[in-house]
Structure formats: C-alpha cells, structure tokens
Amino acid sequence: MRVCAVLALAWLSFAPLGLAQTVKQLAITHVTVIDATGAPPKADMTVVVTRNRITALGKTGKVQIPRGAHVVQAKGRFLIPGLWDMHVHLFNQVSRRPPNAWYFPLLIANGVTSIREMWTRPEDMKQVREWRRLQSEGTLTAPRIAAVGSLVDGPAGAETTKIGDALPGPTANIVATPDEARRFVRELKAAGIDFVKTYSSLPRQAYLAIADEAKKQKMPFAGHVPFATDAVEASSADQRSMEHLNQILESASSRSQELFQVAGRDWTSKHEKLMLDSFDDGKLRNLIAVLSKNQTWQVPTLVNARLYALQLDQRIIRNDSRLRYIPADEIANWNRLFADRDREPTAAEKTVRGRLWQKQCEVVRRMHDIGVPFMAGTDLGTAHIYAGFSLHDELVLLVEAGFTPLRALQTATRGPARFLGLLDTIGTVEEGKVADLVLLDADPLKDIHNTQNIQALVVNGRYLERAELDKLLEGAEAFARAH
C-alpha cells in the first residue's frame, strides 16, 4: 500500500496541547465507541485521555479512572473519531481574510478536527506555520492542517482560475512546457509545500513532467485530472488523489478523445449530453479496475456536484439558513461568480443535469464496490459550501450513493489517516491514538445524519461541551454580520 507520509512531516510534531491548561486527564464513561476500524460498535466503554492521547480504553468498571480526571458520563451517547475535510481552500475567499474568525469556529463546531488544504500559495505558508505553532502550544482552537498543496495550471487556465475580481491576476501558477513544470515542482519543494496540486488546463506533457519530477523529489501530487489527460493515464502516473470526479466520465466515453479536446473550452450542456450519450460501460469497468489496482483515492465532492444540479431551484440555494455564517462580501462574490444560476435552465438543460447527477452517483457506487478508496471533501472556499456543515452533507450523499453509514464515516476518519500515512497515530478511536473525538447524541450507523447531533468534542486535547460549541457558532455569526 502506498502512503504519503511526507505530507505529514510538518504537521505531526505533537506537543502537549490545550488539555494541559484545563484538566490533565479526561474520562468519558458508559459510552458506545464506534472506532472506525471496521469493528462493530463497543457498548458501555470508558475512554481515558491524557493530555492529547487516548491512554486507556475498555469496558466501564474495568478501566481505572485516574484520580482528579474530569469525568464525562456519556450513557446513551456515541464516540467517533474527529472528522476530516480532505478538500479545503482556506485562502480562496474574496477578502483574503484569514479564516480564524469564521472557518475555524464553524469547522470545529461541526466536529471537523483536521483538514487538507488544497490551494496555498508559497507566500501563505508562513501563516500556515504560525497556525501550526499556535496549535502545538494549545492557544488556537482550530482543525489540524494536515497537508498543504499549491496549484499549477496551464496557459489556457490563466484567466479561468481568477476568483472574480478579488485577486490580482490568476491565483494559480502557470506552466506551459515540461521544463517549466519540473522547475515549478522543485520550487515548491524548496518552499516547504507538502504536495503539488494539478489543475484542469495543464498540457498533457507538462502534466506528465510534473508526475515524473514529483516522483524524483519524493513529493506527492494530487488534484484535478487535466482536460487533456485520460484518468487511466493519470492513475498510472501515480496521481495520489483525484478530485471532483474530473475526467472519470470523459474517460469512460467511447468518444473520449473528442471530449478531451473540447473540455474546458466548451463545458456546456451539449458537452455533458455528448459525454452521457457516449458512455461506455466496458471502458468504465476497465477504468475502475485500474483505479482499484493502483489505489488511486477519489474525493468526489458530491456536495458540489449536487449544487450544480440544484441550480434548477434557486429557492434552495438562496434561502439556506447557513448563509448567516457568511460575510456579506463573500456572498456578493458568490453571486457575481455564479450569476448564471439566476437564469432559468431550459428543459433540455434540466434533463441533462439530472442525468449527470444520477450517473455521477452510479459511478461513485460502482468504484466503491470494486475497492477504489474514497475520502470525504467539500471544496470549501467555493460558492455555497459551508465550513463544517457541508462535510456532513457529503457523508449523507455518500450513503445515498450506496455507501453504508460506516463506510461513509470512514471516508472522513480512517481513510484520510491511511492516505496520509498516519494511521498509527490518528483516524480511529484506539489506545495510543491522538484524542480528536466527537461525542454524538445518536447512533450514526443507524442514520448518518446523526453525525450532526454533536454533544461535545475533544480537539487538540481540549474538551468542548455543547455550550462552548454553540458559542463558536454565535461568534462566527456575529463576525459575518460585522463584515
């Protein structure tokens, strides 16, 4: 099994965290533990946390509770690992404001204790290192930033990667030739970036040069499969994760070469209809076999795909109660970027979008059934994706696509830890693991919606009760009103 332990080196230097400033030890008793290993739930358990580690786990009454420990009686409640969002853009807001006052509180309040940051420019790494330092000192309540990638695109994407008028020029780095691509990878390595994120308009030869140079530099690459590249080729080039199902349906088309040539320049319902009408089940089966053999991780961000389908009903988008957590200038930028959503789709467009959504769900189910690994991600930083909240939406959509609740839960717990090469340290509820934990009021294995019924949280070694989580939400809402 391939791992990406290099992604974690800058992150996984666990100093004693915030619990040392409150209580030295915590004991959660009479709780049902869903450890995310795949084992059945364990009822009436006691979990002891010392500083930021699980130091004891066993049947209540058989585990000694340390003298002076803070005891939480959790009968009727369920304990799961802290959740991960594996596709986040902390720096992509219109304002470029740091996310401390709104993203971080919303993520934590929703039980998201770790993230993979997918689009950080080298000059922003100083800020990331500062957050990591504050976390290690226990002075910042925030998700762990487990990996940071920097985006590279081709010349055709120089304009399309601009975020409205918010930033001067394209936010991606642009390479046109294999030599430029190799030089860019070396520069990222020197800057301390954890991985290279490939983007959609990369020329095929530049993409392959990135893959080769990344291997030489022992630096993973992940992201979009470029428009001009077949997903089979990308998997064989050792792309670690594929985001948004990019190029999956195109690569499963009997007219794939035609689609590769026009994608990105003519992404219309006509393109989508051609892709769906030319779907080749045999090509999909071959693609899935390659993805499974290579263990190429998928981060489908179904919340975004479903949002595209929901453009059919503006009332759902415009009346979302979670808009109260979003600053007004961010909402204005969402509206500016996606102004076409106000246009009533034609009947033909509605039909195509409905077909596309159903096919995407089918493909996710079939990949999962054959053993392709998945991780939950939301594309936070894009329009109408809500920090923390949307991660729970993603878990629901994975279950609707055919995952069991346990398998869906693992895409946001054990799976990310395995992907990052950290499974011996985090991602499950086991003795010796880092104590990022979510205490739920109801069983998520009976109904995945129950991951949203959060009673308390252990994050960075600090125990946060429901009242404290509510204060985080209130603070984020107040910040949004003031900005």
Protein backbone atom coordinates (compact mmCIF):
# COMPACT_ATOMS: atom_id res chain seq x y z
CA MET A 1 0.00 0.00 0.00
CA ARG A 2 1.38 3.41 -0.98
CA VAL A 3 1.32 6.15 1.62
CA CYS A 4 2.01 9.87 1.72
CA ALA A 5 3.84 10.19 4.99
CA VAL A 6 5.81 13.11 3.54
CA LEU A 7 2.61 15.18 3.67
CA ALA A 8 2.50 14.92 7.42
CA LEU A 9 6.06 15.77 8.41
CA ALA A 10 5.46 19.46 9.07
CA TRP A 11 2.24 18.73 10.91
CA LEU A 12 2.81 15.67 13.01
CA SER A 13 5.02 17.05 15.78
CA PHE A 14 2.57 16.52 18.60
CA ALA A 15 3.42 18.64 21.60
CA PRO A 16 1.10 18.56 24.63
CA LEU A 17 -1.95 20.54 23.65
CA GLY A 18 -4.71 22.57 25.24
CA LEU A 19 -5.99 20.00 27.74
CA ALA A 20 -2.87 20.55 29.84
CA GLN A 21 -4.17 24.05 30.51
CA THR A 22 -7.57 22.85 31.73
CA VAL A 23 -7.52 19.32 33.19
CA LYS A 24 -4.66 16.86 32.94
CA GLN A 25 -6.89 13.89 32.24
CA LEU A 26 -10.36 13.24 30.85
CA ALA A 27 -12.50 10.12 31.21
CA ILE A 28 -15.56 9.51 29.04
CA THR A 29 -17.58 6.69 30.62
CA HIS A 30 -20.50 4.42 29.63
CA VAL A 31 -20.13 5.47 26.00
CA THR A 32 -20.61 3.39 22.85
CA VAL A 33 -17.40 3.57 20.86
CA ILE A 34 -17.54 3.48 17.05
CA ASP A 35 -13.81 3.30 16.48
CA ALA A 36 -13.93 3.49 12.62
CA THR A 37 -11.61 0.49 12.26
CA GLY A 38 -14.49 -1.51 10.80
CA ALA A 39 -15.17 -3.35 14.06
CA PRO A 40 -18.71 -3.42 15.50
CA PRO A 41 -19.65 -0.70 17.99
CA LYS A 42 -18.44 -1.34 21.55
CA ALA A 43 -21.04 -0.52 24.20
CA ASP A 44 -20.51 0.74 27.77
CA MET A 45 -16.88 1.75 27.29
CA THR A 46 -14.59 4.13 29.13
CA VAL A 47 -12.06 6.21 27.21
CA VAL A 48 -9.29 7.96 29.14
CA VAL A 49 -7.45 10.89 27.58
CA THR A 50 -4.17 12.15 28.98
CA ARG A 51 -3.07 15.44 27.51
CA ASN A 52 -3.74 14.74 23.82
CA ARG A 53 -3.63 10.94 23.66
CA ILE A 54 -6.02 8.09 24.36
CA THR A 55 -4.23 6.33 27.21
CA ALA A 56 -6.85 3.74 28.17
CA LEU A 57 -9.90 2.22 26.53
CA GLY A 58 -12.04 -0.63 27.83
CA LYS A 59 -15.25 -1.71 29.50
CA THR A 60 -16.58 0.72 32.06
CA GLY A 61 -15.75 -0.62 35.51
CA LYS A 62 -12.65 -2.39 34.25
CA VAL A 63 -10.72 0.73 33.28
CA GLN A 64 -9.19 2.68 36.14
CA ILE A 65 -10.17 6.34 36.08
CA PRO A 66 -7.21 8.48 37.15
CA ARG A 67 -7.66 10.49 40.32
CA GLY A 68 -8.59 14.06 39.51
CA ALA A 69 -9.69 13.29 35.97
CA HIS A 70 -12.60 15.23 34.52
CA VAL A 71 -15.33 12.60 34.14
CA VAL A 72 -17.98 12.80 31.41
CA GLN A 73 -20.86 10.36 31.90
CA ALA A 74 -21.94 9.50 28.36
CA LYS A 75 -24.52 6.74 28.72
CA GLY A 76 -26.67 6.59 25.58
CA ARG A 77 -24.10 8.53 23.55
CA PHE A 78 -21.67 7.52 20.79
CA LEU A 79 -17.99 8.35 20.36
CA ILE A 80 -16.39 8.59 16.91
CA PRO A 81 -13.03 9.92 15.70
CA GLY A 82 -12.70 13.58 14.79
CA LEU A 83 -13.77 14.25 11.22
CA TRP A 84 -11.63 15.32 8.28
CA ASP A 85 -12.47 17.53 5.31
CA MET A 86 -9.98 16.46 2.67
CA HIS A 87 -10.64 19.24 0.15
CA VAL A 88 -10.50 22.73 1.64
CA HIS A 89 -9.40 26.15 0.37
CA LEU A 90 -8.63 28.34 3.39
CA PHE A 91 -7.26 31.22 1.34
CA ASN A 92 -9.76 31.44 -1.50
CA GLN A 93 -12.15 33.94 -0.01
CA VAL A 94 -12.84 37.18 -1.85
CA SER A 95 -11.43 39.17 1.07
CA ARG A 96 -8.31 37.07 1.58
CA ARG A 97 -9.10 37.38 5.29
CA PRO A 98 -7.58 34.65 7.46
CA PRO A 99 -10.17 32.04 8.39
CA ASN A 100 -9.54 32.20 12.16
CA ALA A 101 -12.77 34.04 12.94
CA TRP A 102 -15.19 32.15 10.75
CA TYR A 103 -13.93 28.99 9.02
CA PHE A 104 -12.13 27.60 12.04
CA PRO A 105 -15.00 28.02 14.52
CA LEU A 106 -17.51 26.56 12.05
CA LEU A 107 -15.30 23.57 11.31
CA ILE A 108 -14.67 22.83 14.98
CA ALA A 109 -18.32 23.31 15.96
CA ASN A 110 -19.18 20.66 13.36
CA GLY A 111 -16.63 18.15 14.61
CA VAL A 112 -14.12 18.70 11.78
CA THR A 113 -10.79 18.44 13.58
CA SER A 114 -8.46 18.01 10.58
CA ILE A 115 -8.33 19.34 7.03
CA ARG A 116 -6.28 19.02 3.85
CA GLU A 117 -5.65 22.48 2.42
CA MET A 118 -5.66 22.29 -1.38
CA TRP A 119 -4.60 25.72 -2.65
CA THR A 120 -1.99 27.60 -0.67
CA ARG A 121 0.49 29.86 -2.37
CA PRO A 122 4.08 29.62 -1.10
CA GLU A 123 3.81 33.10 0.42
CA ASP A 124 0.91 31.89 2.59
CA MET A 125 2.97 29.11 4.15
CA LYS A 126 4.20 31.50 6.83
CA GLN A 127 0.61 31.85 8.05
CA VAL A 128 0.08 28.08 7.99
CA ARG A 129 3.24 27.53 10.04
CA GLU A 130 2.04 30.11 12.55
CA TRP A 131 -1.29 28.34 12.95
CA ARG A 132 0.52 25.05 13.46
CA ARG A 133 2.73 26.65 16.10
CA LEU A 134 -0.24 28.08 17.96
CA GLN A 135 -1.97 24.71 17.81
CA SER A 136 1.05 22.96 19.25
CA GLU A 137 1.07 25.47 22.11
CA GLY A 138 -2.63 24.94 22.75
CA THR A 139 -3.52 28.60 22.15
CA LEU A 140 -5.50 28.16 18.93
CA THR A 141 -8.68 26.10 18.68
CA ALA A 142 -8.65 25.05 15.06
CA PRO A 143 -8.52 21.98 12.85
CA ARG A 144 -5.16 20.41 12.21
CA ILE A 145 -3.89 21.47 8.78
CA ALA A 146 -2.53 18.11 7.73
CA ALA A 147 -1.27 18.91 4.25
CA VAL A 148 -0.86 21.99 2.09
CA GLY A 149 -0.81 21.98 -1.70
CA SER A 150 -0.08 24.66 -4.26
CA LEU A 151 -1.91 24.76 -7.57
CA VAL A 152 -0.37 24.65 -11.03
CA ASP A 153 -2.31 25.12 -14.26
CA GLY A 154 -1.64 25.59 -17.96
CA PRO A 155 -1.83 28.76 -20.08
CA ALA A 156 -5.43 28.09 -21.09
CA GLY A 157 -6.42 28.30 -17.42
CA ALA A 158 -4.69 31.61 -16.72
CA GLU A 159 -7.94 33.54 -16.77
CA THR A 160 -10.39 30.90 -15.61
CA THR A 161 -8.55 30.43 -12.31
CA LYS A 162 -9.15 34.04 -11.27
CA ILE A 163 -11.54 34.35 -8.35
CA GLY A 164 -13.81 37.09 -9.63
CA ASP A 165 -12.03 40.41 -9.29
CA ALA A 166 -10.86 39.60 -5.78
CA LEU A 167 -7.24 38.85 -6.54
CA PRO A 168 -4.79 40.48 -8.96
CA GLY A 169 -4.31 38.09 -11.84
CA PRO A 170 -4.62 34.33 -11.82
CA THR A 171 -4.28 32.63 -8.45
CA ALA A 172 -2.70 29.54 -10.00
CA ASN A 173 0.89 29.21 -11.09
CA ILE A 174 1.04 28.74 -14.86
CA VAL A 175 3.40 26.41 -16.71
CA ALA A 176 3.43 25.77 -20.45
CA THR A 177 6.32 23.38 -21.01
CA PRO A 178 7.75 20.27 -19.33
CA ASP A 179 10.85 22.23 -18.26
CA GLU A 180 8.71 24.90 -16.59
CA ALA A 181 6.67 22.18 -14.90
CA ARG A 182 9.77 20.48 -13.48
CA ARG A 183 11.18 23.78 -12.24
CA PHE A 184 7.89 24.58 -10.54
CA VAL A 185 7.89 21.28 -8.64
CA ARG A 186 11.42 21.93 -7.39
CA GLU A 187 10.44 25.44 -6.28
CA LEU A 188 7.50 24.09 -4.30
CA LYS A 189 9.73 21.53 -2.64
CA ALA A 190 12.14 24.29 -1.59
CA ALA A 191 9.25 26.42 -0.27
CA GLY A 192 8.05 23.66 2.06
CA ILE A 193 4.78 22.96 0.23
CA ASP A 194 3.56 19.45 1.01
CA PHE A 195 2.25 18.42 -2.41
CA VAL A 196 1.62 19.65 -5.95
CA LYS A 197 -1.98 20.21 -6.94
CA THR A 198 -2.54 19.72 -10.66
CA TYR A 199 -5.32 21.65 -12.37
CA SER A 200 -7.56 21.23 -15.35
CA SER A 201 -5.83 23.13 -18.16
CA LEU A 202 -2.36 21.65 -17.80
CA PRO A 203 -0.97 20.50 -21.15
CA ARG A 204 -0.55 16.74 -21.16
CA GLN A 205 3.25 16.80 -21.49
CA ALA A 206 3.59 19.36 -18.68
CA TYR A 207 1.35 17.19 -16.50
CA LEU A 208 3.48 14.11 -17.16
CA ALA A 209 6.62 16.13 -16.38
CA ILE A 210 5.09 17.13 -13.03
CA ALA A 211 4.34 13.48 -12.29
CA ASP A 212 7.91 12.45 -13.09
CA GLU A 213 9.60 15.32 -11.23
CA ALA A 214 7.34 14.89 -8.20
CA LYS A 215 8.44 11.26 -8.00
CA LYS A 216 12.11 12.32 -8.20
CA GLN A 217 11.57 14.90 -5.45
CA LYS A 218 9.63 12.37 -3.32
CA MET A 219 6.76 14.85 -3.40
CA PRO A 220 3.18 13.60 -3.96
CA PHE A 221 0.84 15.20 -6.46
CA ALA A 222 -2.94 15.25 -6.39
CA GLY A 223 -5.84 17.32 -7.68
CA HIS A 224 -7.65 17.60 -10.98
CA VAL A 225 -7.03 15.21 -13.83
CA PRO A 226 -6.33 17.72 -16.64
CA PHE A 227 -8.78 18.02 -19.53
CA ALA A 228 -6.27 16.56 -21.99
CA THR A 229 -5.44 13.51 -19.88
CA ASP A 230 -7.17 10.17 -19.53
CA ALA A 231 -7.92 9.14 -15.93
CA VAL A 232 -6.29 5.75 -16.58
CA GLU A 233 -3.08 7.51 -17.57
CA ALA A 234 -3.27 9.78 -14.51
CA SER A 235 -3.72 6.84 -12.16
CA SER A 236 -0.81 5.02 -13.79
CA ALA A 237 1.32 8.17 -13.38
CA ASP A 238 0.79 7.81 -9.61
CA GLN A 239 -1.61 10.67 -9.01
CA ARG A 240 -2.41 10.19 -5.32
CA SER A 241 -5.96 11.53 -5.30
CA MET A 242 -8.42 12.66 -7.93
CA GLU A 243 -10.84 15.44 -7.05
CA HIS A 244 -14.44 16.09 -8.17
CA LEU A 245 -14.62 13.00 -10.42
CA ASN A 246 -12.72 15.03 -13.03
CA GLN A 247 -12.25 13.11 -16.29
CA ILE A 248 -13.95 9.99 -14.95
CA LEU A 249 -16.98 10.13 -17.24
CA GLU A 250 -14.93 11.57 -20.10
CA SER A 251 -12.50 8.67 -19.81
CA ALA A 252 -15.44 6.24 -19.80
CA SER A 253 -16.76 7.61 -23.09
CA SER A 254 -16.49 5.98 -26.49
CA ARG A 255 -15.68 9.48 -27.77
CA SER A 256 -13.18 10.34 -25.06
CA GLN A 257 -10.57 11.88 -27.38
CA GLU A 258 -13.14 14.29 -28.75
CA LEU A 259 -14.21 15.23 -25.23
CA PHE A 260 -10.60 15.73 -24.11
CA GLN A 261 -10.07 18.24 -26.90
CA VAL A 262 -13.06 20.46 -26.14
CA ALA A 263 -13.38 20.17 -22.35
CA GLY A 264 -12.91 23.42 -20.51
CA ARG A 265 -13.43 25.49 -23.62
CA ASP A 266 -16.96 24.29 -24.30
CA TRP A 267 -18.29 22.98 -20.99
CA THR A 268 -21.97 23.24 -21.81
CA SER A 269 -25.00 21.01 -21.59
CA LYS A 270 -24.10 19.96 -25.15
CA HIS A 271 -20.74 18.67 -23.91
CA GLU A 272 -22.40 16.96 -20.96
CA LYS A 273 -25.00 15.34 -23.19
CA LEU A 274 -22.31 14.02 -25.52
CA MET A 275 -20.42 12.61 -22.56
CA LEU A 276 -23.53 10.86 -21.23
CA ASP A 277 -24.77 9.62 -24.60
CA SER A 278 -21.37 8.12 -25.41
CA PHE A 279 -20.93 6.41 -22.03
CA ASP A 280 -19.16 3.07 -22.49
CA ASP A 281 -19.71 0.59 -19.66
CA GLY A 282 -16.73 -1.51 -20.70
CA LYS A 283 -14.40 1.50 -20.53
CA LEU A 284 -15.73 2.36 -17.09
CA ARG A 285 -15.11 -1.17 -15.85
CA ASN A 286 -11.53 -1.00 -17.13
CA LEU A 287 -11.00 2.41 -15.54
CA ILE A 288 -12.37 1.25 -12.18
CA ALA A 289 -10.11 -1.82 -12.28
CA VAL A 290 -7.05 0.43 -12.80
CA LEU A 291 -8.10 2.84 -10.02
CA SER A 292 -8.63 -0.06 -7.65
CA LYS A 293 -5.34 -1.78 -8.53
CA ASN A 294 -3.40 1.48 -8.08
CA GLN A 295 -5.44 2.50 -5.03
CA THR A 296 -5.99 5.95 -6.53
CA TRP A 297 -8.05 7.85 -3.99
CA GLN A 298 -11.24 9.63 -5.03
CA VAL A 299 -12.55 12.82 -3.42
CA PRO A 300 -15.82 13.25 -5.34
CA THR A 301 -17.09 16.40 -3.55
CA LEU A 302 -20.66 15.33 -4.22
CA VAL A 303 -21.92 18.42 -2.39
CA ASN A 304 -20.60 20.50 -5.27
CA ALA A 305 -21.96 18.17 -7.93
CA ARG A 306 -25.37 18.23 -6.29
CA LEU A 307 -25.22 22.02 -6.03
CA TYR A 308 -24.78 22.16 -9.79
CA ALA A 309 -27.94 20.09 -10.17
CA LEU A 310 -29.73 22.27 -7.61
CA GLN A 311 -29.24 25.31 -9.78
CA LEU A 312 -32.63 24.19 -11.01
CA ASP A 313 -34.17 25.51 -7.78
CA GLN A 314 -32.84 28.89 -6.69
CA ARG A 315 -35.03 28.87 -3.59
CA ILE A 316 -32.95 26.10 -2.02
CA ILE A 317 -29.70 27.96 -2.66
CA ARG A 318 -30.83 31.47 -1.78
CA ASN A 319 -32.74 30.54 1.36
CA ASP A 320 -30.13 28.35 3.02
CA SER A 321 -30.15 29.19 6.73
CA ARG A 322 -26.37 28.73 6.88
CA LEU A 323 -25.87 31.93 4.91
CA ARG A 324 -25.97 33.72 8.26
CA TYR A 325 -22.41 32.50 8.87
CA ILE A 326 -21.05 34.02 5.64
CA PRO A 327 -19.80 37.65 5.45
CA ALA A 328 -21.72 39.85 3.04
CA ASP A 329 -18.79 40.45 0.69
CA GLU A 330 -18.28 36.71 0.34
CA ILE A 331 -21.96 36.23 -0.53
CA ALA A 332 -21.74 39.06 -3.05
CA ASN A 333 -18.77 37.37 -4.67
CA TRP A 334 -20.65 34.06 -4.81
CA ASN A 335 -23.49 35.82 -6.56
CA ARG A 336 -21.15 37.54 -9.01
CA LEU A 337 -19.27 34.36 -9.87
CA PHE A 338 -22.41 32.31 -10.34
CA ALA A 339 -24.77 34.88 -11.77
CA ASP A 340 -25.85 32.36 -14.40
CA ARG A 341 -27.64 30.46 -11.64
CA ASP A 342 -30.32 33.13 -11.72
CA ARG A 343 -31.12 32.12 -15.28
CA GLU A 344 -33.91 29.58 -15.57
CA PRO A 345 -32.40 26.47 -17.19
CA THR A 346 -34.08 25.17 -20.29
CA ALA A 347 -35.98 21.90 -20.14
CA ALA A 348 -33.14 20.22 -22.03
CA GLU A 349 -30.56 21.54 -19.55
CA LYS A 350 -32.61 20.27 -16.63
CA THR A 351 -32.76 16.84 -18.18
CA VAL A 352 -29.02 16.70 -18.83
CA ARG A 353 -28.12 17.91 -15.35
CA GLY A 354 -30.41 15.37 -13.78
CA ARG A 355 -28.84 12.59 -15.85
CA LEU A 356 -25.35 13.81 -14.98
CA TRP A 357 -26.05 13.78 -11.24
CA GLN A 358 -27.51 10.27 -11.38
CA LYS A 359 -24.56 8.98 -13.42
CA GLN A 360 -22.05 10.53 -11.01
CA CYS A 361 -23.75 8.78 -8.09
CA GLU A 362 -23.77 5.50 -10.00
CA VAL A 363 -20.07 5.77 -10.80
CA VAL A 364 -19.22 6.53 -7.16
CA ARG A 365 -21.14 3.45 -6.02
CA ARG A 366 -19.50 1.20 -8.61
CA MET A 367 -16.00 2.44 -7.82
CA HIS A 368 -16.61 1.91 -4.12
CA ASP A 369 -18.00 -1.59 -4.68
CA ILE A 370 -14.82 -2.65 -6.52
CA GLY A 371 -12.45 -1.30 -3.89
CA VAL A 372 -11.48 2.18 -5.08
CA PRO A 373 -10.66 4.18 -1.90
CA PHE A 374 -12.62 7.34 -1.10
CA MET A 375 -12.21 10.38 1.13
CA ALA A 376 -14.78 12.99 2.08
CA GLY A 377 -14.13 16.53 0.89
CA THR A 378 -16.29 19.56 0.23
CA ASP A 379 -14.33 22.10 -1.87
CA LEU A 380 -14.75 24.63 0.96
CA GLY A 381 -13.87 28.07 -0.38
CA THR A 382 -16.23 27.80 -3.32
CA ALA A 383 -19.74 29.18 -3.52
CA HIS A 384 -22.43 27.79 -1.23
CA ILE A 385 -20.13 25.34 0.53
CA TYR A 386 -20.35 25.84 4.30
CA ALA A 387 -17.44 25.15 6.62
CA GLY A 388 -18.15 22.03 8.64
CA PHE A 389 -21.80 21.78 7.73
CA SER A 390 -21.11 20.68 4.16
CA LEU A 391 -18.87 17.84 5.35
CA HIS A 392 -21.93 16.27 6.99
CA ASP A 393 -23.87 16.84 3.76
CA GLU A 394 -21.13 14.96 1.91
CA LEU A 395 -21.45 11.95 4.23
CA VAL A 396 -25.21 11.88 3.63
CA LEU A 397 -24.71 11.97 -0.13
CA LEU A 398 -22.17 9.14 0.01
CA VAL A 399 -24.72 6.99 1.82
CA GLU A 400 -27.37 7.93 -0.73
CA ALA A 401 -24.90 6.88 -3.45
CA GLY A 402 -24.60 3.40 -1.90
CA PHE A 403 -22.08 3.53 0.95
CA THR A 404 -23.02 2.03 4.29
CA PRO A 405 -23.00 4.61 7.12
CA LEU A 406 -19.80 3.03 8.48
CA ARG A 407 -18.07 3.20 5.11
CA ALA A 408 -19.14 6.82 4.71
CA LEU A 409 -17.85 7.61 8.21
CA GLN A 410 -14.51 6.03 7.34
CA THR A 411 -14.10 8.41 4.37
CA ALA A 412 -13.82 11.21 6.95
CA THR A 413 -11.83 9.35 9.63
CA ARG A 414 -9.76 6.26 8.97
CA GLY A 415 -9.43 6.84 5.21
CA PRO A 416 -7.69 10.23 5.38
CA ALA A 417 -5.31 8.94 8.07
CA ARG A 418 -4.42 5.97 5.86
CA PHE A 419 -3.96 8.23 2.83
CA LEU A 420 -1.54 10.44 4.77
CA GLY A 421 0.39 7.55 6.27
CA LEU A 422 -0.80 8.48 9.77
CA LEU A 423 -2.98 5.53 10.66
CA ASP A 424 -0.76 4.53 13.55
CA THR A 425 -1.38 7.95 15.11
CA ILE A 426 -4.84 9.24 14.28
CA GLY A 427 -8.09 8.45 12.44
CA THR A 428 -9.58 5.82 14.76
CA VAL A 429 -10.57 5.56 18.43
CA GLU A 430 -7.85 3.29 19.80
CA GLU A 431 -5.44 3.36 22.70
CA GLY A 432 -2.35 5.37 21.89
CA LYS A 433 -4.04 7.44 19.19
CA VAL A 434 -4.38 11.21 19.20
CA ALA A 435 -7.56 12.16 21.04
CA ASP A 436 -9.53 14.03 18.41
CA LEU A 437 -13.01 12.77 19.26
CA VAL A 438 -16.66 13.61 18.61
CA LEU A 439 -19.36 12.70 21.15
CA LEU A 440 -22.76 12.20 19.49
CA ASP A 441 -26.27 12.05 20.91
CA ALA A 442 -27.42 9.36 18.46
CA ASP A 443 -26.04 6.40 16.52
CA PRO A 444 -24.52 7.42 13.14
CA LEU A 445 -24.52 3.82 11.96
CA LYS A 446 -28.31 3.75 12.10
CA ASP A 447 -28.62 7.12 10.39
CA ILE A 448 -25.64 9.01 9.02
CA HIS A 449 -27.46 12.29 9.72
CA ASN A 450 -26.65 11.63 13.38
CA THR A 451 -23.06 12.80 12.84
CA GLN A 452 -24.65 16.23 13.09
CA ASN A 453 -26.01 15.60 16.62
CA ILE A 454 -22.84 16.66 18.38
CA GLN A 455 -22.88 16.84 22.17
CA ALA A 456 -19.20 17.54 22.77
CA LEU A 457 -15.78 17.45 21.18
CA VAL A 458 -12.20 16.70 22.11
CA VAL A 459 -9.92 18.70 19.81
CA ASN A 460 -6.25 19.47 20.20
CA GLY A 461 -6.57 17.94 23.67
CA ARG A 462 -9.31 20.31 24.78
CA TYR A 463 -12.79 19.18 25.82
CA LEU A 464 -15.54 21.39 24.41
CA GLU A 465 -19.09 20.95 25.67
CA ARG A 466 -22.18 21.75 23.62
CA ALA A 467 -22.46 25.22 25.13
CA GLU A 468 -18.92 26.03 24.03
CA LEU A 469 -19.61 24.76 20.52
CA ASP A 470 -22.69 26.97 20.39
CA LYS A 471 -20.53 29.94 21.38
CA LEU A 472 -18.26 29.21 18.43
CA LEU A 473 -21.27 29.29 16.11
CA GLU A 474 -22.54 32.51 17.69
CA GLY A 475 -19.13 34.10 17.30
CA ALA A 476 -18.93 33.14 13.64
CA GLU A 477 -22.40 34.53 13.03
CA ALA A 478 -21.51 37.80 14.75
CA PHE A 479 -18.33 38.06 12.68
CA ALA A 480 -20.33 37.57 9.48
CA ARG A 481 -22.78 40.32 10.47
CA ALA A 482 -19.90 42.71 11.14
CA HIS A 483 -18.24 42.05 7.79
